[in-house]
Amino acid sequence: RDGSSSSSPLLGTFCGTDMPPRLQSTQRSLFVRCGATMTSPTGVIVSPGHPNTYPHGANCTWFISVSPGSLIRLSFDSFNLEYHTNCNLDYVELYDNGTVETGTKLGRYLYYWCGTNRPPVLLSHSNRLWVRFHSDATVTRRGFTAHWDAFPLLCSSGCGGTMFSASGGFSSPNYPLPYHPNAECYWSLRTSPGSQLLLSFSDFHLESSINCDFDYLALYNGPNSQAPLLGTFCGDALPAPGFTTTSALTVVFRSDSSVTRTGFQMLWSQIGESNLTL
């Protein structure tokens, strides 16, 4: 469109494989709508114009949908957008389990990405993910490339266990019904030497207390509970996604004799070496 908004005069609409003709705006802004709906188990997203600079006024939305029972892992291979302290100018944002209008922005610690630092590997909480790219009317950069892959969600609701798969999930005992009082569960996740684990939570409701003294979930960065503590969590706040720095993770869940809640569901995927060594 010949201007800076979706209501500016239309210059053209294009699809298929034929190269669009050369276009020229009559002013300094050009509004570009781009994106796609993708349902394959793997794929690539590229900002318009990459590896050259993206246009001013781009508003691109990619909708990724994979088979029910699978999650979406999104990795950025390159990333170079105009920088702003609050990422209000050019940015990429992600929405999980819904649409751009109704979905949940993915990530509790970073909602928008701009600048030249690549976003972390991101794991959806459902089989649907929306990726939105916006550029303003000033500076442009080279943009970004990203790829995604889908993998089955393998969930267990027992009280503890040892797991060697490259991705999966588990939940508190009896989930989504309330967990039992006086529970004490240990999960051990093991991956290939040299790899790491990407961790996230799709649901989290434990009894709340100031120091998490009653019911809690503790994560240890290693093969047992003597390893460095990554965090102790309780209440209703969804823990932020994070990484281990080793190839093993120990998860401890304990509940006291009184209040019980619906518990949690935790997801993980292996980052790094592709072959598991058991």
Protein backbone atom coordinates (compact mmCIF):
# COMPACT_ATOMS: atom_id res chain seq x y z
CA ARG A 1 0.00 0.00 0.00
CA ASP A 2 1.15 3.49 -0.91
CA GLY A 3 1.52 4.90 2.62
CA SER A 4 2.11 3.95 6.23
CA SER A 5 -1.12 2.11 7.15
CA SER A 6 -3.50 -0.62 6.05
CA SER A 7 -5.91 2.04 4.75
CA SER A 8 -3.39 3.55 2.31
CA PRO A 9 -4.06 3.13 -1.44
CA LEU A 10 -3.42 -0.43 -2.63
CA LEU A 11 -0.47 -0.86 -5.01
CA GLY A 12 -0.97 -4.59 -5.58
CA THR A 13 -1.77 -8.01 -4.15
CA PHE A 14 0.44 -10.97 -5.07
CA CYS A 15 0.54 -14.74 -4.59
CA GLY A 16 1.88 -17.81 -6.33
CA THR A 17 5.38 -18.06 -7.79
CA ASP A 18 5.42 -15.26 -10.40
CA MET A 19 7.76 -12.37 -9.53
CA PRO A 20 5.75 -9.19 -8.81
CA PRO A 21 6.55 -6.17 -11.02
CA ARG A 22 8.72 -3.31 -9.78
CA LEU A 23 6.64 -0.92 -7.67
CA GLN A 24 7.30 2.63 -6.52
CA SER A 25 5.49 4.54 -3.81
CA THR A 26 4.55 8.21 -4.12
CA GLN A 27 5.67 8.95 -0.55
CA ARG A 28 8.37 7.89 1.91
CA SER A 29 6.33 5.08 3.51
CA LEU A 30 5.19 1.74 2.10
CA PHE A 31 2.83 -0.60 4.00
CA VAL A 32 3.61 -4.28 3.29
CA ARG A 33 1.41 -7.09 4.56
CA CYS A 34 3.09 -10.50 4.46
CA GLY A 35 3.10 -13.88 6.17
CA ALA A 36 1.53 -17.29 5.63
CA THR A 37 -0.37 -20.18 7.18
CA MET A 38 1.85 -23.26 7.55
CA THR A 39 0.86 -26.75 8.64
CA SER A 40 3.99 -28.81 7.91
CA PRO A 41 5.98 -30.40 10.80
CA THR A 42 9.07 -28.32 9.89
CA GLY A 43 9.61 -25.08 8.05
CA VAL A 44 11.33 -21.74 7.70
CA ILE A 45 10.27 -18.12 8.28
CA VAL A 46 12.16 -15.29 6.56
CA SER A 47 11.56 -11.56 6.93
CA PRO A 48 10.59 -9.80 3.65
CA GLY A 49 13.60 -8.85 1.55
CA HIS A 50 16.13 -10.93 3.50
CA PRO A 51 19.12 -11.03 3.16
CA ASN A 52 18.62 -7.45 1.95
CA THR A 53 16.88 -4.92 4.18
CA TYR A 54 13.20 -5.31 4.96
CA PRO A 55 10.79 -2.56 3.78
CA HIS A 56 9.25 0.20 5.87
CA GLY A 57 5.75 -0.46 7.16
CA ALA A 58 5.89 -4.25 7.10
CA ASN A 59 3.23 -6.13 9.06
CA CYS A 60 3.74 -9.85 8.65
CA THR A 61 1.92 -12.63 10.47
CA TRP A 62 2.86 -16.32 10.16
CA PHE A 63 0.51 -18.92 11.64
CA ILE A 64 2.11 -22.29 12.40
CA SER A 65 -0.12 -25.26 13.18
CA VAL A 66 1.15 -28.81 13.73
CA SER A 67 -0.60 -32.06 14.63
CA PRO A 68 -2.58 -32.13 17.90
CA GLY A 69 -0.45 -33.64 20.64
CA SER A 70 2.70 -31.93 19.35
CA LEU A 71 4.45 -28.72 20.37
CA ILE A 72 6.40 -26.20 18.25
CA ARG A 73 10.07 -25.38 18.81
CA LEU A 74 11.16 -22.14 17.11
CA SER A 75 14.83 -21.23 16.62
CA PHE A 76 16.20 -18.01 15.12
CA ASP A 77 19.20 -18.51 12.83
CA SER A 78 19.89 -14.81 12.21
CA PHE A 79 18.43 -11.65 13.72
CA ASN A 80 19.05 -7.96 12.92
CA LEU A 81 16.28 -5.41 13.55
CA GLU A 82 16.27 -1.72 14.40
CA TYR A 83 16.99 -1.38 18.12
CA HIS A 84 14.81 0.44 20.63
CA THR A 85 14.85 0.18 24.42
CA ASN A 86 11.24 -1.06 24.54
CA CYS A 87 11.22 -2.55 21.01
CA ASN A 88 8.47 -0.14 19.99
CA LEU A 89 9.78 0.49 16.46
CA ASP A 90 10.70 -2.74 14.61
CA TYR A 91 10.04 -6.00 16.45
CA VAL A 92 9.10 -9.67 16.39
CA GLU A 93 6.49 -10.96 18.82
CA LEU A 94 5.02 -14.43 19.40
CA TYR A 95 1.55 -15.54 20.43
CA ASP A 96 0.83 -19.00 21.79
CA ASN A 97 -2.40 -21.04 21.64
CA GLY A 98 -4.68 -18.58 19.90
CA THR A 99 -4.57 -15.69 17.47
CA VAL A 100 -2.72 -12.38 17.56
CA GLU A 101 -5.93 -10.91 18.97
CA THR A 102 -6.76 -13.63 21.52
CA GLY A 103 -3.56 -15.65 22.09
CA THR A 104 -1.05 -15.47 24.90
CA LYS A 105 2.28 -13.79 24.19
CA LEU A 106 4.90 -16.50 24.53
CA GLY A 107 7.53 -15.94 27.20
CA ARG A 108 7.21 -14.32 30.60
CA TYR A 109 10.58 -12.56 30.57
CA LEU A 110 10.72 -11.32 26.95
CA TYR A 111 7.62 -10.38 24.97
CA TYR A 112 9.20 -8.50 22.07
CA TRP A 113 12.54 -8.91 20.32
CA CYS A 114 14.53 -6.27 18.44
CA GLY A 115 18.17 -5.29 17.93
CA THR A 116 20.83 -7.82 17.01
CA ASN A 117 20.70 -10.33 19.88
CA ARG A 118 19.05 -13.54 18.75
CA PRO A 119 16.01 -14.58 20.82
CA PRO A 120 16.37 -17.83 22.78
CA VAL A 121 15.01 -21.10 21.44
CA LEU A 122 11.27 -20.95 22.14
CA LEU A 123 8.88 -23.76 22.94
CA SER A 124 5.13 -23.36 22.47
CA HIS A 125 2.59 -24.62 24.99
CA SER A 126 0.24 -25.92 22.31
CA ASN A 127 0.25 -27.05 18.68
CA ARG A 128 -0.36 -23.50 17.39
CA LEU A 129 1.94 -20.49 17.22
CA TRP A 130 1.62 -17.02 15.69
CA VAL A 131 4.74 -15.05 14.71
CA ARG A 132 4.31 -11.35 13.98
CA PHE A 133 6.89 -8.96 12.48
CA HIS A 134 6.41 -5.19 12.40
CA SER A 135 8.61 -2.43 10.99
CA ASP A 136 8.03 1.32 11.22
CA ALA A 137 8.66 4.13 8.75
CA THR A 138 12.29 4.89 9.65
CA VAL A 139 15.37 2.64 9.92
CA THR A 140 15.48 -0.81 8.28
CA ARG A 141 17.90 -3.71 8.78
CA ARG A 142 18.53 -7.16 7.26
CA GLY A 143 15.79 -8.85 9.27
CA PHE A 144 15.76 -12.45 10.40
CA THR A 145 15.51 -16.10 9.50
CA ALA A 146 14.00 -18.76 11.76
CA HIS A 147 13.02 -22.40 11.55
CA TRP A 148 10.60 -24.56 13.50
CA ASP A 149 10.05 -28.24 14.12
CA ALA A 150 7.25 -30.20 15.77
CA PHE A 151 7.71 -33.05 18.20
CA PRO A 152 5.26 -35.27 20.13
CA LEU A 153 4.41 -34.30 23.67
CA LEU A 154 5.08 -37.33 25.82
CA CYS A 155 3.54 -36.72 29.24
CA SER A 156 3.59 -38.69 32.45
CA SER A 157 1.50 -37.97 35.54
CA GLY A 158 3.19 -40.45 37.90
CA CYS A 159 5.22 -39.57 40.96
CA GLY A 160 8.75 -39.39 39.60
CA GLY A 161 10.85 -41.36 37.15
CA THR A 162 13.92 -41.26 34.92
CA MET A 163 13.53 -40.05 31.33
CA PHE A 164 16.01 -40.16 28.46
CA SER A 165 13.94 -38.83 25.53
CA ALA A 166 15.00 -35.70 23.64
CA SER A 167 11.70 -33.97 24.42
CA GLY A 168 8.59 -34.53 26.44
CA GLY A 169 6.73 -33.50 29.52
CA PHE A 170 5.38 -34.63 32.86
CA SER A 171 2.90 -33.40 35.42
CA SER A 172 2.19 -33.58 39.12
CA PRO A 173 0.48 -36.75 40.39
CA ASN A 174 -3.24 -36.90 39.57
CA TYR A 175 -3.01 -33.83 37.26
CA PRO A 176 -5.24 -32.02 36.29
CA LEU A 177 -7.04 -33.07 39.47
CA PRO A 178 -5.54 -31.96 42.80
CA TYR A 179 -2.31 -33.68 43.81
CA HIS A 180 -2.19 -35.79 46.94
CA PRO A 181 -1.05 -34.49 50.34
CA ASN A 182 2.37 -35.59 51.63
CA ALA A 183 3.66 -36.29 48.12
CA GLU A 184 7.40 -36.53 47.47
CA CYS A 185 8.36 -37.08 43.83
CA TYR A 186 11.73 -37.11 42.03
CA TRP A 187 12.17 -36.86 38.26
CA SER A 188 15.55 -37.26 36.57
CA LEU A 189 16.03 -36.03 32.98
CA ARG A 190 19.15 -37.18 31.12
CA THR A 191 20.41 -36.15 27.68
CA SER A 192 23.60 -36.50 25.64
CA PRO A 193 26.83 -35.14 27.12
CA GLY A 194 27.40 -31.62 25.82
CA SER A 195 23.70 -30.86 25.38
CA GLN A 196 21.33 -28.75 27.48
CA LEU A 197 17.65 -28.80 28.35
CA LEU A 198 15.11 -26.10 27.49
CA LEU A 199 12.45 -25.98 30.22
CA SER A 200 8.99 -24.43 30.28
CA PHE A 201 5.66 -24.80 32.07
CA SER A 202 2.21 -24.88 30.47
CA ASP A 203 0.34 -24.87 33.81
CA PHE A 204 1.31 -24.21 37.42
CA HIS A 205 -0.85 -24.10 40.57
CA LEU A 206 0.67 -25.06 43.94
CA GLU A 207 -0.19 -23.96 47.47
CA SER A 208 1.32 -20.52 47.99
CA SER A 209 3.61 -19.41 50.81
CA ILE A 210 6.19 -16.64 51.21
CA ASN A 211 9.24 -18.93 51.15
CA CYS A 212 7.56 -21.92 49.42
CA ASP A 213 7.76 -23.85 52.70
CA PHE A 214 4.55 -25.87 52.22
CA ASP A 215 4.16 -27.22 48.67
CA TYR A 216 6.93 -26.57 46.15
CA LEU A 217 8.74 -27.63 42.99
CA ALA A 218 12.56 -27.47 43.03
CA LEU A 219 14.82 -27.70 39.95
CA TYR A 220 18.47 -28.80 40.26
CA ASN A 221 21.05 -28.27 37.53
CA GLY A 222 22.47 -31.79 37.54
CA PRO A 223 21.84 -35.51 38.12
CA ASN A 224 20.67 -35.28 41.77
CA SER A 225 19.36 -32.90 44.43
CA GLN A 226 22.91 -32.07 45.55
CA ALA A 227 23.45 -30.21 42.26
CA PRO A 228 23.15 -26.37 42.12
CA LEU A 229 19.58 -25.17 42.68
CA LEU A 230 18.02 -23.48 39.64
CA GLY A 231 14.90 -22.37 41.50
CA THR A 232 12.12 -23.24 43.94
CA PHE A 233 8.56 -22.44 42.88
CA CYS A 234 5.07 -22.37 44.41
CA GLY A 235 1.82 -20.41 44.08
CA ASP A 236 0.12 -19.60 40.76
CA ALA A 237 2.82 -17.67 38.89
CA LEU A 238 3.99 -19.59 35.82
CA PRO A 239 7.79 -20.04 36.10
CA ALA A 240 9.71 -18.41 33.26
CA PRO A 241 11.24 -20.66 30.56
CA GLY A 242 14.90 -21.44 31.16
CA PHE A 243 17.90 -23.62 30.34
CA THR A 244 20.09 -26.02 32.21
CA THR A 245 23.85 -25.65 31.80
CA THR A 246 24.41 -29.41 32.01
CA SER A 247 22.95 -32.47 30.30
CA ALA A 248 20.94 -33.51 33.37
CA LEU A 249 18.11 -32.07 35.46
CA THR A 250 16.60 -33.22 38.75
CA VAL A 251 13.06 -32.13 39.62
CA VAL A 252 11.68 -32.50 43.15
CA PHE A 253 8.01 -31.98 44.05
CA ARG A 254 6.82 -31.99 47.65
CA SER A 255 3.43 -31.29 49.22
CA ASP A 256 2.51 -30.99 52.88
CA SER A 257 -0.45 -32.48 54.75
CA SER A 258 -2.95 -29.66 54.22
CA VAL A 259 -3.94 -27.63 51.13
CA THR A 260 -3.66 -29.20 47.67
CA ARG A 261 -4.03 -27.57 44.23
CA THR A 262 -4.26 -28.80 40.62
CA GLY A 263 -0.46 -28.98 40.26
CA PHE A 264 1.72 -28.40 37.23
CA GLN A 265 2.67 -29.52 33.76
CA MET A 266 6.32 -29.16 32.74
CA LEU A 267 7.81 -29.46 29.25
CA TRP A 268 11.38 -30.00 28.12
CA SER A 269 13.39 -30.38 24.93
CA GLN A 270 17.05 -31.12 24.27
CA ILE A 271 19.25 -28.35 22.88
CA GLY A 272 22.64 -29.25 21.45
CA GLU A 273 23.83 -32.79 20.62
CA SER A 274 21.28 -34.69 18.53
CA ASN A 275 22.14 -38.24 19.59
CA LEU A 276 21.24 -39.54 23.03
CA THR A 277 23.80 -41.55 24.95
CA LEU A 278 22.15 -43.68 27.61
